[in-house]
């Protein structure tokens, strides 16, 4: 974010995913071969 440090949003490793508390339930990470996608809903 502007003026702030870089922070983790979400990661995917094999089949495991993890999300920052601030985006849980709103963002979804997925991976298909060499493409990783972040679907962001209910943006604030």
ModelCIF file with pLDDT and N, C-alpha, C, O atoms, coordinates in Angstrom:
data_MODEL
#
_entry.id   MODEL 
#
_entity.id                         1 
_entity.type                       polymer 
_entity.pdbx_number_of_molecules   1 
#
_entity_poly.entity_id                      1 
_entity_poly.type                           'polypeptide(L)' 
_entity_poly.nstd_linkage                   no 
_entity_poly.nstd_monomer                   no 
_entity_poly.pdbx_seq_one_letter_code       
;(UNK)(UNK)(UNK)(UNK)(UNK)(UNK)(UNK)(UNK)(UNK)(UNK)(UNK)(UNK)(UNK)(UNK)(UNK)(UNK)
(UNK)(UNK)(UNK)(UNK)(UNK)(UNK)(UNK)(UNK)(UNK)(UNK)(UNK)(UNK)(UNK)(UNK)(UNK)(UNK)
(UNK)(UNK)(UNK)(UNK)(UNK)(UNK)(UNK)(UNK)(UNK)(UNK)(UNK)(UNK)
;
_entity_poly.pdbx_seq_one_letter_code_can   XXXXXXXXXXXXXXXXXXXXXXXXXXXXXXXXXXXXXXXXXXXX 
_entity_poly.pdbx_strand_id                 A 
#
loop_
_entity_poly_seq.entity_id 
_entity_poly_seq.num 
_entity_poly_seq.mon_id 
_entity_poly_seq.hetero 
1 1  UNK n 
1 2  UNK n 
1 3  UNK n 
1 4  UNK n 
1 5  UNK n 
1 6  UNK n 
1 7  UNK n 
1 8  UNK n 
1 9  UNK n 
1 10 UNK n 
1 11 UNK n 
1 12 UNK n 
1 13 UNK n 
1 14 UNK n 
1 15 UNK n 
1 16 UNK n 
1 17 UNK n 
1 18 UNK n 
1 19 UNK n 
1 20 UNK n 
1 21 UNK n 
1 22 UNK n 
1 23 UNK n 
1 24 UNK n 
1 25 UNK n 
1 26 UNK n 
1 27 UNK n 
1 28 UNK n 
1 29 UNK n 
1 30 UNK n 
1 31 UNK n 
1 32 UNK n 
1 33 UNK n 
1 34 UNK n 
1 35 UNK n 
1 36 UNK n 
1 37 UNK n 
1 38 UNK n 
1 39 UNK n 
1 40 UNK n 
1 41 UNK n 
1 42 UNK n 
1 43 UNK n 
1 44 UNK n 
#
_struct_asym.id          A 
_struct_asym.entity_id   1 
#
loop_
_ma_qa_metric.id 
_ma_qa_metric.mode 
_ma_qa_metric.name 
_ma_qa_metric.software_group_id 
_ma_qa_metric.type 
1 global pLDDT . pLDDT 
2 local  pLDDT . pLDDT 
#
_ma_qa_metric_global.metric_id      1 
_ma_qa_metric_global.metric_value   95.91 
_ma_qa_metric_global.model_id       1 
_ma_qa_metric_global.ordinal_id     1 
#
loop_
_ma_qa_metric_local.label_asym_id 
_ma_qa_metric_local.label_comp_id 
_ma_qa_metric_local.label_seq_id 
_ma_qa_metric_local.metric_id 
_ma_qa_metric_local.metric_value 
_ma_qa_metric_local.model_id 
_ma_qa_metric_local.ordinal_id 
A UNK 1  2 97.00 1 1  
A UNK 2  2 95.00 1 2  
A UNK 3  2 96.00 1 3  
A UNK 4  2 97.00 1 4  
A UNK 5  2 97.00 1 5  
A UNK 6  2 97.00 1 6  
A UNK 7  2 98.00 1 7  
A UNK 8  2 98.00 1 8  
A UNK 9  2 98.00 1 9  
A UNK 10 2 98.00 1 10 
A UNK 11 2 96.00 1 11 
A UNK 12 2 96.00 1 12 
A UNK 13 2 92.00 1 13 
A UNK 14 2 81.00 1 14 
A UNK 15 2 80.00 1 15 
A UNK 16 2 92.00 1 16 
A UNK 17 2 95.00 1 17 
A UNK 18 2 96.00 1 18 
A UNK 19 2 98.00 1 19 
A UNK 20 2 98.00 1 20 
A UNK 21 2 98.00 1 21 
A UNK 22 2 97.00 1 22 
A UNK 23 2 98.00 1 23 
A UNK 24 2 98.00 1 24 
A UNK 25 2 97.00 1 25 
A UNK 26 2 98.00 1 26 
A UNK 27 2 98.00 1 27 
A UNK 28 2 98.00 1 28 
A UNK 29 2 97.00 1 29 
A UNK 30 2 96.00 1 30 
A UNK 31 2 95.00 1 31 
A UNK 32 2 93.00 1 32 
A UNK 33 2 91.00 1 33 
A UNK 34 2 94.00 1 34 
A UNK 35 2 96.00 1 35 
A UNK 36 2 97.00 1 36 
A UNK 37 2 98.00 1 37 
A UNK 38 2 98.00 1 38 
A UNK 39 2 98.00 1 39 
A UNK 40 2 98.00 1 40 
A UNK 41 2 98.00 1 41 
A UNK 42 2 98.00 1 42 
A UNK 43 2 98.00 1 43 
A UNK 44 2 98.00 1 44 
#
loop_
_atom_site.group_PDB 
_atom_site.id 
_atom_site.type_symbol 
_atom_site.label_atom_id 
_atom_site.label_alt_id 
_atom_site.label_comp_id 
_atom_site.label_asym_id 
_atom_site.label_entity_id 
_atom_site.label_seq_id 
_atom_site.pdbx_PDB_ins_code 
_atom_site.Cartn_x 
_atom_site.Cartn_y 
_atom_site.Cartn_z 
_atom_site.occupancy 
_atom_site.B_iso_or_equiv 
_atom_site.pdbx_formal_charge 
_atom_site.auth_seq_id 
_atom_site.auth_comp_id 
_atom_site.auth_asym_id 
_atom_site.auth_atom_id 
_atom_site.pdbx_PDB_model_num 
ATOM 1   N N  . UNK A 1 1  ? 0.838   -1.209  0.000   1.00 97.00 ? 1  UNK A N  1 
ATOM 2   C CA . UNK A 1 1  ? 0.000   0.000   0.000   1.00 97.00 ? 1  UNK A CA 1 
ATOM 3   C C  . UNK A 1 1  ? 0.866   1.249   0.000   1.00 97.00 ? 1  UNK A C  1 
ATOM 4   O O  . UNK A 1 1  ? 2.039   1.181   0.367   1.00 97.00 ? 1  UNK A O  1 
ATOM 5   N N  . UNK A 1 2  ? 0.320   2.373   -0.399  1.00 95.00 ? 2  UNK A N  1 
ATOM 6   C CA . UNK A 1 2  ? 1.097   3.608   -0.421  1.00 95.00 ? 2  UNK A CA 1 
ATOM 7   C C  . UNK A 1 2  ? 1.682   3.929   0.949   1.00 95.00 ? 2  UNK A C  1 
ATOM 8   O O  . UNK A 1 2  ? 0.958   3.971   1.943   1.00 95.00 ? 2  UNK A O  1 
ATOM 9   N N  . UNK A 1 3  ? 2.986   4.155   1.001   1.00 96.00 ? 3  UNK A N  1 
ATOM 10  C CA . UNK A 1 3  ? 3.645   4.528   2.233   1.00 96.00 ? 3  UNK A CA 1 
ATOM 11  C C  . UNK A 1 3  ? 3.818   3.412   3.238   1.00 96.00 ? 3  UNK A C  1 
ATOM 12  O O  . UNK A 1 3  ? 4.216   3.663   4.376   1.00 96.00 ? 3  UNK A O  1 
ATOM 13  N N  . UNK A 1 4  ? 3.528   2.181   2.841   1.00 97.00 ? 4  UNK A N  1 
ATOM 14  C CA . UNK A 1 4  ? 3.627   1.067   3.779   1.00 97.00 ? 4  UNK A CA 1 
ATOM 15  C C  . UNK A 1 4  ? 4.554   -0.012  3.231   1.00 97.00 ? 4  UNK A C  1 
ATOM 16  O O  . UNK A 1 4  ? 4.986   0.045   2.080   1.00 97.00 ? 4  UNK A O  1 
ATOM 17  N N  . UNK A 1 5  ? 4.848   -0.989  4.072   1.00 97.00 ? 5  UNK A N  1 
ATOM 18  C CA . UNK A 1 5  ? 5.716   -2.086  3.661   1.00 97.00 ? 5  UNK A CA 1 
ATOM 19  C C  . UNK A 1 5  ? 4.937   -3.132  2.867   1.00 97.00 ? 5  UNK A C  1 
ATOM 20  O O  . UNK A 1 5  ? 3.712   -3.222  2.949   1.00 97.00 ? 5  UNK A O  1 
ATOM 21  N N  . UNK A 1 6  ? 5.671   -3.901  2.113   1.00 97.00 ? 6  UNK A N  1 
ATOM 22  C CA . UNK A 1 6  ? 5.075   -4.985  1.357   1.00 97.00 ? 6  UNK A CA 1 
ATOM 23  C C  . UNK A 1 6  ? 4.561   -6.052  2.320   1.00 97.00 ? 6  UNK A C  1 
ATOM 24  O O  . UNK A 1 6  ? 5.217   -6.366  3.313   1.00 97.00 ? 6  UNK A O  1 
ATOM 25  N N  . UNK A 1 7  ? 3.392   -6.605  2.023   1.00 98.00 ? 7  UNK A N  1 
ATOM 26  C CA . UNK A 1 7  ? 2.789   -7.617  2.894   1.00 98.00 ? 7  UNK A CA 1 
ATOM 27  C C  . UNK A 1 7  ? 2.239   -8.775  2.067   1.00 98.00 ? 7  UNK A C  1 
ATOM 28  O O  . UNK A 1 7  ? 1.856   -8.616  0.907   1.00 98.00 ? 7  UNK A O  1 
ATOM 29  N N  . UNK A 1 8  ? 2.214   -9.929  2.696   1.00 98.00 ? 8  UNK A N  1 
ATOM 30  C CA . UNK A 1 8  ? 1.685   -11.114 2.032   1.00 98.00 ? 8  UNK A CA 1 
ATOM 31  C C  . UNK A 1 8  ? 0.165   -11.014 1.934   1.00 98.00 ? 8  UNK A C  1 
ATOM 32  O O  . UNK A 1 8  ? -0.507  -10.659 2.902   1.00 98.00 ? 8  UNK A O  1 
ATOM 33  N N  . UNK A 1 9  ? -0.361  -11.328 0.769   1.00 98.00 ? 9  UNK A N  1 
ATOM 34  C CA . UNK A 1 9  ? -1.804  -11.395 0.572   1.00 98.00 ? 9  UNK A CA 1 
ATOM 35  C C  . UNK A 1 9  ? -2.265  -12.850 0.611   1.00 98.00 ? 9  UNK A C  1 
ATOM 36  O O  . UNK A 1 9  ? -3.185  -13.200 1.350   1.00 98.00 ? 9  UNK A O  1 
ATOM 37  N N  . UNK A 1 10 ? -1.619  -13.689 -0.189  1.00 98.00 ? 10 UNK A N  1 
ATOM 38  C CA . UNK A 1 10 ? -1.988  -15.107 -0.256  1.00 98.00 ? 10 UNK A CA 1 
ATOM 39  C C  . UNK A 1 10 ? -0.882  -15.875 -0.948  1.00 98.00 ? 10 UNK A C  1 
ATOM 40  O O  . UNK A 1 10 ? -0.153  -15.330 -1.777  1.00 98.00 ? 10 UNK A O  1 
ATOM 41  N N  . UNK A 1 11 ? -0.762  -17.151 -0.598  1.00 96.00 ? 11 UNK A N  1 
ATOM 42  C CA . UNK A 1 11 ? 0.167   -17.999 -1.333  1.00 96.00 ? 11 UNK A CA 1 
ATOM 43  C C  . UNK A 1 11 ? -0.452  -19.362 -1.570  1.00 96.00 ? 11 UNK A C  1 
ATOM 44  O O  . UNK A 1 11 ? -1.385  -19.774 -0.881  1.00 96.00 ? 11 UNK A O  1 
ATOM 45  N N  . UNK A 1 12 ? 0.090   -20.050 -2.560  1.00 96.00 ? 12 UNK A N  1 
ATOM 46  C CA . UNK A 1 12 ? -0.330  -21.408 -2.879  1.00 96.00 ? 12 UNK A CA 1 
ATOM 47  C C  . UNK A 1 12 ? 0.920   -22.233 -3.120  1.00 96.00 ? 12 UNK A C  1 
ATOM 48  O O  . UNK A 1 12 ? 1.780   -21.870 -3.922  1.00 96.00 ? 12 UNK A O  1 
ATOM 49  N N  . UNK A 1 13 ? 1.008   -23.372 -2.398  1.00 92.00 ? 13 UNK A N  1 
ATOM 50  C CA . UNK A 1 13 ? 2.152   -24.269 -2.512  1.00 92.00 ? 13 UNK A CA 1 
ATOM 51  C C  . UNK A 1 13 ? 1.594   -25.679 -2.643  1.00 92.00 ? 13 UNK A C  1 
ATOM 52  O O  . UNK A 1 13 ? 1.008   -26.216 -1.702  1.00 92.00 ? 13 UNK A O  1 
ATOM 53  N N  . UNK A 1 14 ? 1.777   -26.263 -3.799  1.00 81.00 ? 14 UNK A N  1 
ATOM 54  C CA . UNK A 1 14 ? 1.157   -27.555 -4.141  1.00 81.00 ? 14 UNK A CA 1 
ATOM 55  C C  . UNK A 1 14 ? -0.349  -27.360 -4.026  1.00 81.00 ? 14 UNK A C  1 
ATOM 56  O O  . UNK A 1 14 ? -0.934  -26.676 -4.866  1.00 81.00 ? 14 UNK A O  1 
ATOM 57  N N  . UNK A 1 15 ? -1.001  -27.939 -3.015  1.00 80.00 ? 15 UNK A N  1 
ATOM 58  C CA . UNK A 1 15 ? -2.453  -27.772 -2.883  1.00 80.00 ? 15 UNK A CA 1 
ATOM 59  C C  . UNK A 1 15 ? -2.806  -26.916 -1.678  1.00 80.00 ? 15 UNK A C  1 
ATOM 60  O O  . UNK A 1 15 ? -3.982  -26.678 -1.405  1.00 80.00 ? 15 UNK A O  1 
ATOM 61  N N  . UNK A 1 16 ? -1.802  -26.457 -0.962  1.00 92.00 ? 16 UNK A N  1 
ATOM 62  C CA . UNK A 1 16 ? -2.051  -25.664 0.241   1.00 92.00 ? 16 UNK A CA 1 
ATOM 63  C C  . UNK A 1 16 ? -2.138  -24.182 -0.094  1.00 92.00 ? 16 UNK A C  1 
ATOM 64  O O  . UNK A 1 16 ? -1.343  -23.657 -0.874  1.00 92.00 ? 16 UNK A O  1 
ATOM 65  N N  . UNK A 1 17 ? -3.115  -23.522 0.509   1.00 95.00 ? 17 UNK A N  1 
ATOM 66  C CA . UNK A 1 17 ? -3.263  -22.080 0.343   1.00 95.00 ? 17 UNK A CA 1 
ATOM 67  C C  . UNK A 1 17 ? -3.303  -21.403 1.706   1.00 95.00 ? 17 UNK A C  1 
ATOM 68  O O  . UNK A 1 17 ? -3.665  -22.013 2.712   1.00 95.00 ? 17 UNK A O  1 
ATOM 69  N N  . UNK A 1 18 ? -2.929  -20.149 1.715   1.00 96.00 ? 18 UNK A N  1 
ATOM 70  C CA . UNK A 1 18 ? -2.975  -19.382 2.951   1.00 96.00 ? 18 UNK A CA 1 
ATOM 71  C C  . UNK A 1 18 ? -3.271  -17.938 2.589   1.00 96.00 ? 18 UNK A C  1 
ATOM 72  O O  . UNK A 1 18 ? -2.816  -17.441 1.559   1.00 96.00 ? 18 UNK A O  1 
ATOM 73  N N  . UNK A 1 19 ? -4.040  -17.263 3.446   1.00 98.00 ? 19 UNK A N  1 
ATOM 74  C CA . UNK A 1 19 ? -4.469  -15.899 3.177   1.00 98.00 ? 19 UNK A CA 1 
ATOM 75  C C  . UNK A 1 19 ? -4.200  -14.995 4.368   1.00 98.00 ? 19 UNK A C  1 
ATOM 76  O O  . UNK A 1 19 ? -4.235  -15.437 5.517   1.00 98.00 ? 19 UNK A O  1 
ATOM 77  N N  . UNK A 1 20 ? -3.936  -13.745 4.090   1.00 98.00 ? 20 UNK A N  1 
ATOM 78  C CA . UNK A 1 20 ? -3.895  -12.744 5.149   1.00 98.00 ? 20 UNK A CA 1 
ATOM 79  C C  . UNK A 1 20 ? -5.301  -12.599 5.722   1.00 98.00 ? 20 UNK A C  1 
ATOM 80  O O  . UNK A 1 20 ? -6.291  -12.720 5.000   1.00 98.00 ? 20 UNK A O  1 
ATOM 81  N N  . UNK A 1 21 ? -5.376  -12.342 7.004   1.00 98.00 ? 21 UNK A N  1 
ATOM 82  C CA . UNK A 1 21 ? -6.682  -12.207 7.654   1.00 98.00 ? 21 UNK A CA 1 
ATOM 83  C C  . UNK A 1 21 ? -7.536  -11.130 6.987   1.00 98.00 ? 21 UNK A C  1 
ATOM 84  O O  . UNK A 1 21 ? -8.759  -11.253 6.914   1.00 98.00 ? 21 UNK A O  1 
ATOM 85  N N  . UNK A 1 22 ? -6.889  -10.091 6.510   1.00 97.00 ? 22 UNK A N  1 
ATOM 86  C CA . UNK A 1 22 ? -7.616  -8.960  5.943   1.00 97.00 ? 22 UNK A CA 1 
ATOM 87  C C  . UNK A 1 22 ? -8.331  -9.293  4.631   1.00 97.00 ? 22 UNK A C  1 
ATOM 88  O O  . UNK A 1 22 ? -9.211  -8.547  4.201   1.00 97.00 ? 22 UNK A O  1 
ATOM 89  N N  . UNK A 1 23 ? -7.961  -10.406 3.994   1.00 98.00 ? 23 UNK A N  1 
ATOM 90  C CA . UNK A 1 23 ? -8.569  -10.730 2.699   1.00 98.00 ? 23 UNK A CA 1 
ATOM 91  C C  . UNK A 1 23 ? -9.342  -12.041 2.720   1.00 98.00 ? 23 UNK A C  1 
ATOM 92  O O  . UNK A 1 23 ? -9.964  -12.408 1.723   1.00 98.00 ? 23 UNK A O  1 
ATOM 93  N N  . UNK A 1 24 ? -9.311  -12.745 3.837   1.00 98.00 ? 24 UNK A N  1 
ATOM 94  C CA . UNK A 1 24 ? -10.017 -14.030 3.927   1.00 98.00 ? 24 UNK A CA 1 
ATOM 95  C C  . UNK A 1 24 ? -11.499 -13.849 3.625   1.00 98.00 ? 24 UNK A C  1 
ATOM 96  O O  . UNK A 1 24 ? -12.147 -12.928 4.123   1.00 98.00 ? 24 UNK A O  1 
ATOM 97  N N  . UNK A 1 25 ? -12.016 -14.747 2.801   1.00 97.00 ? 25 UNK A N  1 
ATOM 98  C CA . UNK A 1 25 ? -13.417 -14.680 2.432   1.00 97.00 ? 25 UNK A CA 1 
ATOM 99  C C  . UNK A 1 25 ? -13.715 -13.752 1.274   1.00 97.00 ? 25 UNK A C  1 
ATOM 100 O O  . UNK A 1 25 ? -14.822 -13.765 0.735   1.00 97.00 ? 25 UNK A O  1 
ATOM 101 N N  . UNK A 1 26 ? -12.728 -12.935 0.881   1.00 98.00 ? 26 UNK A N  1 
ATOM 102 C CA . UNK A 1 26 ? -12.945 -11.997 -0.222  1.00 98.00 ? 26 UNK A CA 1 
ATOM 103 C C  . UNK A 1 26 ? -12.048 -12.318 -1.427  1.00 98.00 ? 26 UNK A C  1 
ATOM 104 O O  . UNK A 1 26 ? -12.453 -12.138 -2.576  1.00 98.00 ? 26 UNK A O  1 
ATOM 105 N N  . UNK A 1 27 ? -10.837 -12.791 -1.154  1.00 98.00 ? 27 UNK A N  1 
ATOM 106 C CA . UNK A 1 27 ? -9.867  -13.087 -2.203  1.00 98.00 ? 27 UNK A CA 1 
ATOM 107 C C  . UNK A 1 27 ? -9.681  -14.599 -2.331  1.00 98.00 ? 27 UNK A C  1 
ATOM 108 O O  . UNK A 1 27 ? -9.769  -15.336 -1.348  1.00 98.00 ? 27 UNK A O  1 
ATOM 109 N N  . UNK A 1 28 ? -9.424  -15.043 -3.554  1.00 98.00 ? 28 UNK A N  1 
ATOM 110 C CA . UNK A 1 28 ? -9.158  -16.448 -3.806  1.00 98.00 ? 28 UNK A CA 1 
ATOM 111 C C  . UNK A 1 28 ? -7.942  -16.574 -4.719  1.00 98.00 ? 28 UNK A C  1 
ATOM 112 O O  . UNK A 1 28 ? -7.889  -15.976 -5.794  1.00 98.00 ? 28 UNK A O  1 
ATOM 113 N N  . UNK A 1 29 ? -6.963  -17.367 -4.269  1.00 97.00 ? 29 UNK A N  1 
ATOM 114 C CA . UNK A 1 29 ? -5.783  -17.620 -5.089  1.00 97.00 ? 29 UNK A CA 1 
ATOM 115 C C  . UNK A 1 29 ? -5.917  -18.993 -5.727  1.00 97.00 ? 29 UNK A C  1 
ATOM 116 O O  . UNK A 1 29 ? -6.389  -19.941 -5.099  1.00 97.00 ? 29 UNK A O  1 
ATOM 117 N N  . UNK A 1 30 ? -5.499  -19.086 -6.973  1.00 96.00 ? 30 UNK A N  1 
ATOM 118 C CA . UNK A 1 30 ? -5.529  -20.376 -7.658  1.00 96.00 ? 30 UNK A CA 1 
ATOM 119 C C  . UNK A 1 30 ? -4.354  -20.434 -8.623  1.00 96.00 ? 30 UNK A C  1 
ATOM 120 O O  . UNK A 1 30 ? -3.782  -19.414 -9.008  1.00 96.00 ? 30 UNK A O  1 
ATOM 121 N N  . UNK A 1 31 ? -4.015  -21.655 -8.996  1.00 95.00 ? 31 UNK A N  1 
ATOM 122 C CA . UNK A 1 31 ? -2.886  -21.847 -9.903  1.00 95.00 ? 31 UNK A CA 1 
ATOM 123 C C  . UNK A 1 31 ? -3.246  -22.890 -10.948 1.00 95.00 ? 31 UNK A C  1 
ATOM 124 O O  . UNK A 1 31 ? -3.809  -23.939 -10.633 1.00 95.00 ? 31 UNK A O  1 
ATOM 125 N N  . UNK A 1 32 ? -2.919  -22.592 -12.169 1.00 93.00 ? 32 UNK A N  1 
ATOM 126 C CA . UNK A 1 32 ? -3.094  -23.523 -13.271 1.00 93.00 ? 32 UNK A CA 1 
ATOM 127 C C  . UNK A 1 32 ? -1.790  -23.549 -14.048 1.00 93.00 ? 32 UNK A C  1 
ATOM 128 O O  . UNK A 1 32 ? -1.501  -22.640 -14.826 1.00 93.00 ? 32 UNK A O  1 
ATOM 129 N N  . UNK A 1 33 ? -1.018  -24.580 -13.835 1.00 91.00 ? 33 UNK A N  1 
ATOM 130 C CA . UNK A 1 33 ? 0.301   -24.729 -14.462 1.00 91.00 ? 33 UNK A CA 1 
ATOM 131 C C  . UNK A 1 33 ? 1.157   -23.507 -14.130 1.00 91.00 ? 33 UNK A C  1 
ATOM 132 O O  . UNK A 1 33 ? 1.536   -23.323 -12.973 1.00 91.00 ? 33 UNK A O  1 
ATOM 133 N N  . UNK A 1 34 ? 1.458   -22.692 -15.096 1.00 94.00 ? 34 UNK A N  1 
ATOM 134 C CA . UNK A 1 34 ? 2.382   -21.584 -14.877 1.00 94.00 ? 34 UNK A CA 1 
ATOM 135 C C  . UNK A 1 34 ? 1.692   -20.244 -14.650 1.00 94.00 ? 34 UNK A C  1 
ATOM 136 O O  . UNK A 1 34 ? 2.329   -19.193 -14.724 1.00 94.00 ? 34 UNK A O  1 
ATOM 137 N N  . UNK A 1 35 ? 0.418   -20.280 -14.381 1.00 96.00 ? 35 UNK A N  1 
ATOM 138 C CA . UNK A 1 35 ? -0.333  -19.053 -14.130 1.00 96.00 ? 35 UNK A CA 1 
ATOM 139 C C  . UNK A 1 35 ? -0.965  -19.089 -12.751 1.00 96.00 ? 35 UNK A C  1 
ATOM 140 O O  . UNK A 1 35 ? -1.635  -20.055 -12.386 1.00 96.00 ? 35 UNK A O  1 
ATOM 141 N N  . UNK A 1 36 ? -0.747  -18.032 -11.995 1.00 97.00 ? 36 UNK A N  1 
ATOM 142 C CA . UNK A 1 36 ? -1.404  -17.898 -10.691 1.00 97.00 ? 36 UNK A CA 1 
ATOM 143 C C  . UNK A 1 36 ? -2.359  -16.705 -10.783 1.00 97.00 ? 36 UNK A C  1 
ATOM 144 O O  . UNK A 1 36 ? -2.024  -15.654 -11.329 1.00 97.00 ? 36 UNK A O  1 
ATOM 145 N N  . UNK A 1 37 ? -3.541  -16.901 -10.237 1.00 98.00 ? 37 UNK A N  1 
ATOM 146 C CA . UNK A 1 37 ? -4.599  -15.900 -10.339 1.00 98.00 ? 37 UNK A CA 1 
ATOM 147 C C  . UNK A 1 37 ? -5.062  -15.495 -8.950  1.00 98.00 ? 37 UNK A C  1 
ATOM 148 O O  . UNK A 1 37 ? -5.133  -16.319 -8.038  1.00 98.00 ? 37 UNK A O  1 
ATOM 149 N N  . UNK A 1 38 ? -5.371  -14.236 -8.805  1.00 98.00 ? 38 UNK A N  1 
ATOM 150 C CA . UNK A 1 38 ? -5.942  -13.727 -7.558  1.00 98.00 ? 38 UNK A CA 1 
ATOM 151 C C  . UNK A 1 38 ? -7.282  -13.087 -7.899  1.00 98.00 ? 38 UNK A C  1 
ATOM 152 O O  . UNK A 1 38 ? -7.336  -12.020 -8.511  1.00 98.00 ? 38 UNK A O  1 
ATOM 153 N N  . UNK A 1 39 ? -8.351  -13.747 -7.500  1.00 98.00 ? 39 UNK A N  1 
ATOM 154 C CA . UNK A 1 39 ? -9.692  -13.198 -7.676  1.00 98.00 ? 39 UNK A CA 1 
ATOM 155 C C  . UNK A 1 39 ? -10.016 -12.365 -6.451  1.00 98.00 ? 39 UNK A C  1 
ATOM 156 O O  . UNK A 1 39 ? -10.020 -12.872 -5.329  1.00 98.00 ? 39 UNK A O  1 
ATOM 157 N N  . UNK A 1 40 ? -10.287 -11.087 -6.668  1.00 98.00 ? 40 UNK A N  1 
ATOM 158 C CA . UNK A 1 40 ? -10.524 -10.166 -5.552  1.00 98.00 ? 40 UNK A CA 1 
ATOM 159 C C  . UNK A 1 40 ? -11.963 -9.654  -5.641  1.00 98.00 ? 40 UNK A C  1 
ATOM 160 O O  . UNK A 1 40 ? -12.339 -8.974  -6.596  1.00 98.00 ? 40 UNK A O  1 
ATOM 161 N N  . UNK A 1 41 ? -12.742 -9.990  -4.641  1.00 98.00 ? 41 UNK A N  1 
ATOM 162 C CA . UNK A 1 41 ? -14.142 -9.557  -4.575  1.00 98.00 ? 41 UNK A CA 1 
ATOM 163 C C  . UNK A 1 41 ? -14.358 -8.638  -3.379  1.00 98.00 ? 41 UNK A C  1 
ATOM 164 O O  . UNK A 1 41 ? -13.533 -8.584  -2.466  1.00 98.00 ? 41 UNK A O  1 
ATOM 165 N N  . UNK A 1 42 ? -15.454 -7.930  -3.396  1.00 98.00 ? 42 UNK A N  1 
ATOM 166 C CA . UNK A 1 42 ? -15.812 -7.033  -2.285  1.00 98.00 ? 42 UNK A CA 1 
ATOM 167 C C  . UNK A 1 42 ? -14.643 -6.132  -1.919  1.00 98.00 ? 42 UNK A C  1 
ATOM 168 O O  . UNK A 1 42 ? -14.289 -6.006  -0.746  1.00 98.00 ? 42 UNK A O  1 
ATOM 169 N N  . UNK A 1 43 ? -14.053 -5.515  -2.915  1.00 98.00 ? 43 UNK A N  1 
ATOM 170 C CA . UNK A 1 43 ? -12.866 -4.699  -2.689  1.00 98.00 ? 43 UNK A CA 1 
ATOM 171 C C  . UNK A 1 43 ? -13.170 -3.489  -1.827  1.00 98.00 ? 43 UNK A C  1 
ATOM 172 O O  . UNK A 1 43 ? -14.254 -2.909  -1.889  1.00 98.00 ? 43 UNK A O  1 
ATOM 173 N N  . UNK A 1 44 ? -12.179 -3.126  -1.018  1.00 98.00 ? 44 UNK A N  1 
ATOM 174 C CA . UNK A 1 44 ? -12.272 -1.993  -0.111  1.00 98.00 ? 44 UNK A CA 1 
ATOM 175 C C  . UNK A 1 44 ? -11.184 -0.984  -0.464  1.00 98.00 ? 44 UNK A C  1 
ATOM 176 O O  . UNK A 1 44 ? -11.077 0.059   0.181   1.00 98.00 ? 44 UNK A O  1 
#
